[in-house]
Amino acid sequence: MGKLNEAAERQIREICQRHKDDNTPLMMILSDIQNEYGYIPLEVQEVVSQETGISVAEIYGVVTFYSFFSLTPKGKYVIGCCLGTACYVKGGQQVIDKFSELLHIEPGQTSEDGLFTLDALRCIGACGIAPAVTINGTVYPKVTASQVNEIVAKYLLAEEKLKKEGVPA
């Protein structure tokens, strides 16, 4: 996002105003901003601080505490590999390692093309289908390292199809 343009700053201020009467406005504000922009950089946190009177330090603490908030842009497809106990014991580490190898990124990073972000998650509550992987809300159960190529290929094919149809990314 870099330096905020006037329209973005105005929209962030509108989001803050929309939640001014909520019991816990910060979480709602940050959630709306995350949904709108995909991440919450320092420039945005400063505007939220001005609008709410909450210190930037407190806002930063919330953004960095909760894993669903991000300080950096995420890819179009966010791959979450569960590494909770059940998933880890059933091969979750090998699954995330395979995604990392295939996409040439480490957990917490986004691929150069902006398509994929790889996240290591702590227990997602899917122990019965371990190891579990989520991609933009779609849950893949009992994933093995040997399935990772096929999973990634599905999304790459979808991107190719969109390009052929002239649909913007």
N, C-alpha and C. Protein backbone atom coordinates (compact mmCIF):
# COMPACT_ATOMS: atom_id res chain seq x y z
N MET A 1 0.84 -1.19 0.00
CA MET A 1 0.00 0.00 0.00
C MET A 1 0.88 1.25 0.00
N GLY A 2 2.04 1.18 0.67
CA GLY A 2 2.94 2.34 0.70
C GLY A 2 2.26 3.54 1.33
N LYS A 3 2.55 4.72 0.78
CA LYS A 3 1.91 5.94 1.26
C LYS A 3 0.45 5.90 0.84
N LEU A 4 -0.40 6.21 1.78
CA LEU A 4 -1.84 6.16 1.50
C LEU A 4 -2.26 7.29 0.57
N ASN A 5 -3.08 6.94 -0.42
CA ASN A 5 -3.65 7.99 -1.24
C ASN A 5 -4.90 8.53 -0.53
N GLU A 6 -5.41 9.64 -1.01
CA GLU A 6 -6.54 10.29 -0.34
C GLU A 6 -7.77 9.40 -0.27
N ALA A 7 -8.05 8.67 -1.34
CA ALA A 7 -9.24 7.81 -1.36
C ALA A 7 -9.13 6.70 -0.33
N ALA A 8 -7.95 6.09 -0.23
CA ALA A 8 -7.75 5.01 0.74
C ALA A 8 -7.87 5.54 2.16
N GLU A 9 -7.25 6.70 2.41
CA GLU A 9 -7.32 7.28 3.75
C GLU A 9 -8.78 7.62 4.11
N ARG A 10 -9.51 8.18 3.17
CA ARG A 10 -10.92 8.51 3.39
C ARG A 10 -11.72 7.24 3.70
N GLN A 11 -11.46 6.16 2.96
CA GLN A 11 -12.18 4.91 3.19
C GLN A 11 -11.86 4.34 4.58
N ILE A 12 -10.61 4.41 4.99
CA ILE A 12 -10.22 3.91 6.32
C ILE A 12 -10.91 4.73 7.40
N ARG A 13 -10.96 6.04 7.21
CA ARG A 13 -11.65 6.90 8.19
C ARG A 13 -13.15 6.56 8.24
N GLU A 14 -13.73 6.26 7.09
CA GLU A 14 -15.15 5.86 7.04
C GLU A 14 -15.37 4.54 7.79
N ILE A 15 -14.46 3.60 7.62
CA ILE A 15 -14.56 2.33 8.33
C ILE A 15 -14.51 2.58 9.84
N CYS A 16 -13.60 3.45 10.27
CA CYS A 16 -13.49 3.77 11.70
C CYS A 16 -14.78 4.39 12.21
N GLN A 17 -15.35 5.31 11.45
CA GLN A 17 -16.58 5.97 11.88
C GLN A 17 -17.76 5.00 11.94
N ARG A 18 -17.77 4.05 11.04
CA ARG A 18 -18.85 3.06 10.99
C ARG A 18 -18.90 2.24 12.29
N HIS A 19 -17.76 2.08 12.95
CA HIS A 19 -17.70 1.24 14.14
C HIS A 19 -17.50 2.02 15.44
N LYS A 20 -17.66 3.35 15.39
CA LYS A 20 -17.37 4.16 16.58
C LYS A 20 -18.27 3.84 17.77
N ASP A 21 -19.46 3.32 17.53
CA ASP A 21 -20.38 3.02 18.63
C ASP A 21 -20.35 1.56 19.06
N ASP A 22 -19.50 0.75 18.44
CA ASP A 22 -19.38 -0.66 18.82
C ASP A 22 -18.70 -0.79 20.18
N ASN A 23 -19.01 -1.90 20.88
CA ASN A 23 -18.37 -2.15 22.18
C ASN A 23 -16.87 -2.36 22.05
N THR A 24 -16.46 -3.09 21.04
CA THR A 24 -15.03 -3.32 20.79
C THR A 24 -14.72 -2.93 19.35
N PRO A 25 -14.62 -1.63 19.10
CA PRO A 25 -14.50 -1.17 17.71
C PRO A 25 -13.20 -1.58 17.02
N LEU A 26 -12.10 -1.69 17.76
CA LEU A 26 -10.82 -1.95 17.10
C LEU A 26 -10.82 -3.24 16.30
N MET A 27 -11.33 -4.31 16.87
CA MET A 27 -11.35 -5.59 16.15
C MET A 27 -12.21 -5.49 14.89
N MET A 28 -13.34 -4.83 14.98
CA MET A 28 -14.22 -4.68 13.82
C MET A 28 -13.56 -3.81 12.75
N ILE A 29 -12.93 -2.73 13.18
CA ILE A 29 -12.25 -1.83 12.24
C ILE A 29 -11.13 -2.58 11.52
N LEU A 30 -10.29 -3.24 12.29
CA LEU A 30 -9.16 -3.96 11.69
C LEU A 30 -9.63 -5.08 10.77
N SER A 31 -10.69 -5.76 11.17
CA SER A 31 -11.23 -6.83 10.33
C SER A 31 -11.73 -6.28 9.00
N ASP A 32 -12.45 -5.18 9.04
CA ASP A 32 -12.96 -4.56 7.80
C ASP A 32 -11.81 -4.10 6.91
N ILE A 33 -10.78 -3.52 7.52
CA ILE A 33 -9.63 -3.05 6.74
C ILE A 33 -8.89 -4.24 6.13
N GLN A 34 -8.69 -5.29 6.93
CA GLN A 34 -8.02 -6.50 6.42
C GLN A 34 -8.82 -7.08 5.24
N ASN A 35 -10.14 -7.12 5.37
CA ASN A 35 -10.98 -7.65 4.29
C ASN A 35 -10.91 -6.78 3.03
N GLU A 36 -10.80 -5.49 3.23
CA GLU A 36 -10.79 -4.56 2.10
C GLU A 36 -9.44 -4.53 1.38
N TYR A 37 -8.35 -4.49 2.14
CA TYR A 37 -7.03 -4.30 1.55
C TYR A 37 -6.13 -5.54 1.59
N GLY A 38 -6.48 -6.51 2.43
CA GLY A 38 -5.68 -7.72 2.52
C GLY A 38 -4.56 -7.67 3.54
N TYR A 39 -4.30 -6.50 4.06
CA TYR A 39 -3.28 -6.34 5.10
C TYR A 39 -3.43 -4.98 5.78
N ILE A 40 -2.67 -4.78 6.88
CA ILE A 40 -2.83 -3.57 7.68
C ILE A 40 -1.44 -2.99 7.97
N PRO A 41 -0.88 -2.22 7.03
CA PRO A 41 0.45 -1.65 7.24
C PRO A 41 0.43 -0.52 8.27
N LEU A 42 1.62 -0.08 8.67
CA LEU A 42 1.76 0.95 9.69
C LEU A 42 1.02 2.23 9.33
N GLU A 43 1.04 2.63 8.05
CA GLU A 43 0.36 3.87 7.64
C GLU A 43 -1.13 3.81 7.96
N VAL A 44 -1.71 2.65 7.78
CA VAL A 44 -3.13 2.46 8.08
C VAL A 44 -3.36 2.48 9.59
N GLN A 45 -2.47 1.84 10.33
CA GLN A 45 -2.59 1.83 11.79
C GLN A 45 -2.54 3.25 12.35
N GLU A 46 -1.73 4.11 11.74
CA GLU A 46 -1.65 5.50 12.18
C GLU A 46 -2.97 6.24 11.97
N VAL A 47 -3.63 6.00 10.84
CA VAL A 47 -4.93 6.63 10.59
C VAL A 47 -5.97 6.11 11.59
N VAL A 48 -5.96 4.80 11.84
CA VAL A 48 -6.89 4.22 12.81
C VAL A 48 -6.65 4.83 14.19
N SER A 49 -5.39 5.03 14.55
CA SER A 49 -5.05 5.64 15.83
C SER A 49 -5.62 7.06 15.92
N GLN A 50 -5.45 7.84 14.85
CA GLN A 50 -5.99 9.21 14.83
C GLN A 50 -7.50 9.22 15.00
N GLU A 51 -8.17 8.28 14.36
CA GLU A 51 -9.63 8.24 14.38
C GLU A 51 -10.20 7.71 15.69
N THR A 52 -9.49 6.78 16.33
CA THR A 52 -10.04 6.11 17.51
C THR A 52 -9.45 6.59 18.82
N GLY A 53 -8.28 7.22 18.77
CA GLY A 53 -7.60 7.61 20.00
C GLY A 53 -6.83 6.46 20.64
N ILE A 54 -6.81 5.32 19.99
CA ILE A 54 -6.07 4.15 20.47
C ILE A 54 -4.64 4.29 19.97
N SER A 55 -3.66 4.04 20.83
CA SER A 55 -2.27 4.24 20.44
C SER A 55 -1.88 3.27 19.32
N VAL A 56 -0.93 3.72 18.50
CA VAL A 56 -0.41 2.87 17.43
C VAL A 56 0.20 1.61 18.04
N ALA A 57 0.85 1.74 19.20
CA ALA A 57 1.46 0.58 19.85
C ALA A 57 0.40 -0.48 20.19
N GLU A 58 -0.74 -0.05 20.69
CA GLU A 58 -1.80 -1.00 21.01
C GLU A 58 -2.38 -1.64 19.74
N ILE A 59 -2.58 -0.83 18.73
CA ILE A 59 -3.10 -1.35 17.46
C ILE A 59 -2.12 -2.35 16.86
N TYR A 60 -0.84 -2.00 16.86
CA TYR A 60 0.19 -2.90 16.34
C TYR A 60 0.20 -4.21 17.13
N GLY A 61 0.02 -4.11 18.44
CA GLY A 61 -0.03 -5.31 19.28
C GLY A 61 -1.17 -6.24 18.89
N VAL A 62 -2.32 -5.67 18.58
CA VAL A 62 -3.47 -6.47 18.16
C VAL A 62 -3.21 -7.09 16.78
N VAL A 63 -2.69 -6.29 15.85
CA VAL A 63 -2.44 -6.78 14.49
C VAL A 63 -1.43 -7.92 14.51
N THR A 64 -0.41 -7.81 15.34
CA THR A 64 0.62 -8.86 15.36
C THR A 64 0.24 -10.04 16.25
N PHE A 65 -0.70 -9.87 17.15
CA PHE A 65 -1.11 -10.98 18.02
C PHE A 65 -2.01 -11.97 17.29
N TYR A 66 -2.97 -11.46 16.53
CA TYR A 66 -3.94 -12.33 15.86
C TYR A 66 -3.43 -12.72 14.48
N SER A 67 -3.39 -14.02 14.23
CA SER A 67 -2.80 -14.53 12.98
C SER A 67 -3.62 -14.18 11.74
N PHE A 68 -4.88 -13.82 11.89
CA PHE A 68 -5.68 -13.50 10.70
C PHE A 68 -5.44 -12.07 10.22
N PHE A 69 -4.70 -11.27 10.99
CA PHE A 69 -4.29 -9.95 10.52
C PHE A 69 -2.88 -10.06 9.95
N SER A 70 -2.57 -9.20 9.00
CA SER A 70 -1.25 -9.25 8.37
C SER A 70 -0.70 -7.85 8.18
N LEU A 71 0.61 -7.72 8.36
CA LEU A 71 1.29 -6.45 8.13
C LEU A 71 1.76 -6.32 6.68
N THR A 72 1.74 -7.41 5.95
CA THR A 72 2.21 -7.42 4.56
C THR A 72 1.12 -8.00 3.66
N PRO A 73 1.17 -7.66 2.37
CA PRO A 73 0.15 -8.19 1.45
C PRO A 73 0.19 -9.71 1.37
N LYS A 74 -0.96 -10.30 1.24
CA LYS A 74 -1.08 -11.75 1.08
C LYS A 74 -1.30 -12.06 -0.40
N GLY A 75 -1.01 -13.30 -0.77
CA GLY A 75 -1.23 -13.73 -2.13
C GLY A 75 -2.71 -13.92 -2.42
N LYS A 76 -3.03 -14.11 -3.67
CA LYS A 76 -4.41 -14.36 -4.07
C LYS A 76 -4.94 -15.62 -3.41
N TYR A 77 -4.06 -16.63 -3.27
CA TYR A 77 -4.43 -17.88 -2.63
C TYR A 77 -3.58 -18.05 -1.37
N VAL A 78 -4.24 -18.04 -0.23
CA VAL A 78 -3.54 -18.19 1.05
C VAL A 78 -3.64 -19.64 1.48
N ILE A 79 -2.49 -20.30 1.49
CA ILE A 79 -2.40 -21.71 1.85
C ILE A 79 -2.04 -21.80 3.33
N GLY A 80 -2.95 -22.36 4.11
CA GLY A 80 -2.71 -22.55 5.54
C GLY A 80 -2.49 -24.02 5.83
N CYS A 81 -1.30 -24.35 6.27
CA CYS A 81 -0.98 -25.74 6.62
C CYS A 81 -1.01 -25.87 8.14
N CYS A 82 -1.89 -26.73 8.63
CA CYS A 82 -2.00 -26.92 10.07
C CYS A 82 -0.80 -27.72 10.57
N LEU A 83 -0.20 -27.21 11.63
CA LEU A 83 0.90 -27.90 12.28
C LEU A 83 0.58 -28.16 13.76
N GLY A 84 -0.72 -28.19 14.07
CA GLY A 84 -1.13 -28.59 15.41
C GLY A 84 -0.69 -30.02 15.65
N THR A 85 -0.81 -30.49 16.87
CA THR A 85 -0.28 -31.81 17.24
C THR A 85 -0.74 -32.93 16.33
N ALA A 86 -2.05 -33.06 16.12
CA ALA A 86 -2.56 -34.16 15.29
C ALA A 86 -2.04 -34.06 13.86
N CYS A 87 -2.07 -32.86 13.30
CA CYS A 87 -1.60 -32.68 11.92
C CYS A 87 -0.10 -32.92 11.82
N TYR A 88 0.64 -32.44 12.80
CA TYR A 88 2.09 -32.63 12.78
C TYR A 88 2.45 -34.11 12.83
N VAL A 89 1.80 -34.83 13.75
CA VAL A 89 2.09 -36.26 13.92
C VAL A 89 1.76 -37.04 12.65
N LYS A 90 0.74 -36.59 11.91
CA LYS A 90 0.32 -37.31 10.71
C LYS A 90 0.97 -36.78 9.43
N GLY A 91 2.02 -35.97 9.56
CA GLY A 91 2.77 -35.56 8.38
C GLY A 91 2.61 -34.13 7.94
N GLY A 92 2.04 -33.29 8.79
CA GLY A 92 1.83 -31.88 8.42
C GLY A 92 3.11 -31.15 8.05
N GLN A 93 4.22 -31.47 8.74
CA GLN A 93 5.48 -30.79 8.43
C GLN A 93 5.95 -31.14 7.02
N GLN A 94 5.80 -32.39 6.63
CA GLN A 94 6.21 -32.79 5.28
C GLN A 94 5.34 -32.09 4.22
N VAL A 95 4.07 -31.88 4.55
CA VAL A 95 3.16 -31.20 3.62
C VAL A 95 3.59 -29.75 3.43
N ILE A 96 3.82 -29.04 4.52
CA ILE A 96 4.23 -27.63 4.39
C ILE A 96 5.60 -27.52 3.73
N ASP A 97 6.48 -28.47 4.02
CA ASP A 97 7.80 -28.47 3.38
C ASP A 97 7.67 -28.63 1.87
N LYS A 98 6.74 -29.47 1.43
CA LYS A 98 6.53 -29.69 -0.01
C LYS A 98 5.97 -28.42 -0.67
N PHE A 99 4.99 -27.77 -0.02
CA PHE A 99 4.47 -26.50 -0.55
C PHE A 99 5.61 -25.49 -0.65
N SER A 100 6.42 -25.41 0.37
CA SER A 100 7.54 -24.48 0.41
C SER A 100 8.52 -24.74 -0.73
N GLU A 101 8.85 -26.00 -0.93
CA GLU A 101 9.77 -26.40 -2.01
C GLU A 101 9.18 -26.07 -3.38
N LEU A 102 7.93 -26.40 -3.58
CA LEU A 102 7.27 -26.22 -4.87
C LEU A 102 7.09 -24.74 -5.22
N LEU A 103 6.72 -23.94 -4.23
CA LEU A 103 6.43 -22.53 -4.48
C LEU A 103 7.64 -21.61 -4.28
N HIS A 104 8.74 -22.18 -3.77
CA HIS A 104 9.97 -21.43 -3.53
C HIS A 104 9.76 -20.30 -2.52
N ILE A 105 8.98 -20.57 -1.49
CA ILE A 105 8.76 -19.62 -0.41
C ILE A 105 8.75 -20.36 0.92
N GLU A 106 9.03 -19.63 1.97
CA GLU A 106 8.97 -20.17 3.33
C GLU A 106 7.62 -19.78 3.94
N PRO A 107 7.21 -20.47 4.99
CA PRO A 107 5.98 -20.05 5.67
C PRO A 107 6.06 -18.58 6.07
N GLY A 108 4.96 -17.87 5.84
CA GLY A 108 4.90 -16.44 6.11
C GLY A 108 5.25 -15.58 4.91
N GLN A 109 5.66 -16.21 3.81
CA GLN A 109 6.05 -15.47 2.61
C GLN A 109 5.01 -15.62 1.50
N THR A 110 5.12 -14.72 0.53
CA THR A 110 4.25 -14.73 -0.64
C THR A 110 5.11 -14.94 -1.88
N SER A 111 4.61 -15.75 -2.81
CA SER A 111 5.36 -16.02 -4.04
C SER A 111 5.56 -14.73 -4.83
N GLU A 112 6.64 -14.70 -5.63
CA GLU A 112 6.97 -13.50 -6.40
C GLU A 112 5.84 -13.06 -7.32
N ASP A 113 5.07 -14.01 -7.84
CA ASP A 113 3.97 -13.65 -8.74
C ASP A 113 2.73 -13.17 -7.99
N GLY A 114 2.78 -13.19 -6.66
CA GLY A 114 1.66 -12.71 -5.86
C GLY A 114 0.50 -13.68 -5.77
N LEU A 115 0.66 -14.87 -6.29
CA LEU A 115 -0.45 -15.83 -6.29
C LEU A 115 -0.61 -16.56 -4.96
N PHE A 116 0.49 -16.96 -4.34
CA PHE A 116 0.40 -17.83 -3.18
C PHE A 116 1.09 -17.24 -1.95
N THR A 117 0.43 -17.35 -0.82
CA THR A 117 1.04 -17.09 0.48
C THR A 117 0.97 -18.39 1.24
N LEU A 118 2.07 -18.74 1.90
CA LEU A 118 2.13 -19.98 2.67
C LEU A 118 2.18 -19.63 4.15
N ASP A 119 1.21 -20.15 4.90
CA ASP A 119 1.15 -19.90 6.34
C ASP A 119 1.17 -21.21 7.11
N ALA A 120 1.96 -21.23 8.16
CA ALA A 120 1.96 -22.35 9.11
C ALA A 120 0.95 -22.00 10.19
N LEU A 121 -0.05 -22.84 10.37
CA LEU A 121 -1.10 -22.58 11.34
C LEU A 121 -0.97 -23.51 12.53
N ARG A 122 -1.35 -23.03 13.67
CA ARG A 122 -1.42 -23.86 14.87
C ARG A 122 -2.86 -24.31 14.98
N CYS A 123 -3.10 -25.51 15.30
CA CYS A 123 -4.40 -26.18 15.37
C CYS A 123 -5.58 -25.38 14.81
N ILE A 124 -6.16 -25.90 13.74
CA ILE A 124 -7.34 -25.28 13.13
C ILE A 124 -8.62 -26.02 13.52
N GLY A 125 -8.49 -26.98 14.43
CA GLY A 125 -9.66 -27.71 14.91
C GLY A 125 -10.15 -28.77 13.96
N ALA A 126 -9.28 -29.26 13.12
CA ALA A 126 -9.66 -30.29 12.14
C ALA A 126 -8.87 -31.58 12.40
N CYS A 127 -8.70 -31.91 13.65
CA CYS A 127 -7.85 -33.04 14.04
C CYS A 127 -8.32 -34.37 13.43
N GLY A 128 -9.59 -34.52 13.23
CA GLY A 128 -10.13 -35.76 12.67
C GLY A 128 -9.78 -35.98 11.22
N ILE A 129 -9.34 -34.91 10.54
CA ILE A 129 -8.99 -35.04 9.12
C ILE A 129 -7.52 -34.65 8.89
N ALA A 130 -6.71 -34.83 9.92
CA ALA A 130 -5.30 -34.44 9.88
C ALA A 130 -4.51 -35.28 8.88
N PRO A 131 -3.52 -34.68 8.26
CA PRO A 131 -3.18 -33.24 8.28
C PRO A 131 -4.09 -32.45 7.33
N ALA A 132 -4.49 -31.29 7.81
CA ALA A 132 -5.43 -30.45 7.06
C ALA A 132 -4.73 -29.23 6.48
N VAL A 133 -5.18 -28.84 5.31
CA VAL A 133 -4.70 -27.64 4.63
C VAL A 133 -5.92 -26.83 4.24
N THR A 134 -5.83 -25.51 4.39
CA THR A 134 -6.90 -24.63 3.92
C THR A 134 -6.34 -23.72 2.84
N ILE A 135 -7.15 -23.47 1.82
CA ILE A 135 -6.79 -22.49 0.81
C ILE A 135 -8.02 -21.62 0.58
N ASN A 136 -7.91 -20.38 1.03
CA ASN A 136 -9.01 -19.41 0.93
C ASN A 136 -10.34 -20.00 1.42
N GLY A 137 -10.28 -20.70 2.52
CA GLY A 137 -11.51 -21.24 3.12
C GLY A 137 -11.87 -22.64 2.70
N THR A 138 -11.27 -23.15 1.65
CA THR A 138 -11.51 -24.54 1.24
C THR A 138 -10.59 -25.43 2.06
N VAL A 139 -11.16 -26.45 2.68
CA VAL A 139 -10.37 -27.35 3.51
C VAL A 139 -10.04 -28.62 2.74
N TYR A 140 -8.77 -28.96 2.76
CA TYR A 140 -8.30 -30.20 2.14
C TYR A 140 -7.95 -31.17 3.26
N PRO A 141 -8.66 -32.30 3.35
CA PRO A 141 -8.43 -33.24 4.45
C PRO A 141 -7.35 -34.27 4.13
N LYS A 142 -6.70 -34.74 5.17
CA LYS A 142 -5.73 -35.86 5.07
C LYS A 142 -4.75 -35.68 3.91
N VAL A 143 -4.17 -34.50 3.84
CA VAL A 143 -3.25 -34.18 2.75
C VAL A 143 -1.91 -34.87 2.97
N THR A 144 -1.36 -35.39 1.90
CA THR A 144 -0.02 -35.96 1.93
C THR A 144 0.89 -35.10 1.06
N ALA A 145 2.18 -35.21 1.29
CA ALA A 145 3.14 -34.44 0.49
C ALA A 145 3.00 -34.76 -0.99
N SER A 146 2.65 -35.99 -1.30
CA SER A 146 2.52 -36.37 -2.71
C SER A 146 1.30 -35.72 -3.39
N GLN A 147 0.38 -35.16 -2.63
CA GLN A 147 -0.79 -34.50 -3.21
C GLN A 147 -0.57 -33.01 -3.47
N VAL A 148 0.50 -32.46 -2.95
CA VAL A 148 0.73 -31.02 -3.02
C VAL A 148 0.85 -30.53 -4.46
N ASN A 149 1.58 -31.23 -5.30
CA ASN A 149 1.70 -30.82 -6.71
C ASN A 149 0.33 -30.70 -7.36
N GLU A 150 -0.53 -31.67 -7.13
CA GLU A 150 -1.87 -31.68 -7.72
C GLU A 150 -2.71 -30.51 -7.20
N ILE A 151 -2.58 -30.22 -5.91
CA ILE A 151 -3.34 -29.11 -5.32
C ILE A 151 -2.91 -27.79 -5.94
N VAL A 152 -1.62 -27.55 -6.01
CA VAL A 152 -1.11 -26.30 -6.59
C VAL A 152 -1.48 -26.21 -8.07
N ALA A 153 -1.36 -27.32 -8.79
CA ALA A 153 -1.69 -27.33 -10.22
C ALA A 153 -3.13 -26.90 -10.46
N LYS A 154 -4.03 -27.29 -9.58
CA LYS A 154 -5.44 -26.92 -9.71
C LYS A 154 -5.60 -25.39 -9.74
N TYR A 155 -4.87 -24.71 -8.87
CA TYR A 155 -4.97 -23.25 -8.79
C TYR A 155 -4.25 -22.59 -9.96
N LEU A 156 -3.14 -23.16 -10.39
CA LEU A 156 -2.43 -22.63 -11.55
C LEU A 156 -3.27 -22.78 -12.82
N LEU A 157 -3.95 -23.90 -12.95
CA LEU A 157 -4.84 -24.10 -14.10
C LEU A 157 -5.99 -23.09 -14.09
N ALA A 158 -6.53 -22.83 -12.91
CA ALA A 158 -7.60 -21.85 -12.79
C ALA A 158 -7.11 -20.47 -13.22
N GLU A 159 -5.88 -20.14 -12.86
CA GLU A 159 -5.30 -18.85 -13.26
C GLU A 159 -5.10 -18.77 -14.76
N GLU A 160 -4.64 -19.84 -15.35
CA GLU A 160 -4.46 -19.88 -16.81
C GLU A 160 -5.79 -19.69 -17.52
N LYS A 161 -6.81 -20.35 -17.01
CA LYS A 161 -8.14 -20.23 -17.60
C LYS A 161 -8.64 -18.79 -17.52
N LEU A 162 -8.43 -18.14 -16.38
CA LEU A 162 -8.84 -16.74 -16.22
C LEU A 162 -8.10 -15.84 -17.21
N LYS A 163 -6.80 -16.09 -17.39
CA LYS A 163 -6.02 -15.29 -18.33
C LYS A 163 -6.55 -15.45 -19.75
N LYS A 164 -6.85 -16.69 -20.14
CA LYS A 164 -7.37 -16.95 -21.48
C LYS A 164 -8.71 -16.27 -21.72
N GLU A 165 -9.50 -16.18 -20.65
CA GLU A 165 -10.82 -15.54 -20.76
C GLU A 165 -10.72 -14.03 -20.64
N GLY A 166 -9.49 -13.52 -20.35
CA GLY A 166 -9.29 -12.09 -20.23
C GLY A 166 -9.80 -11.50 -18.94
N VAL A 167 -9.96 -12.34 -17.93
CA VAL A 167 -10.41 -11.86 -16.63
C VAL A 167 -9.21 -11.29 -15.89
N PRO A 168 -9.30 -10.02 -15.41
CA PRO A 168 -8.15 -9.45 -14.68
C PRO A 168 -7.92 -10.18 -13.36
N ALA A 169 -6.66 -10.21 -12.95
CA ALA A 169 -6.27 -10.90 -11.71
C ALA A 169 -6.86 -10.24 -10.49
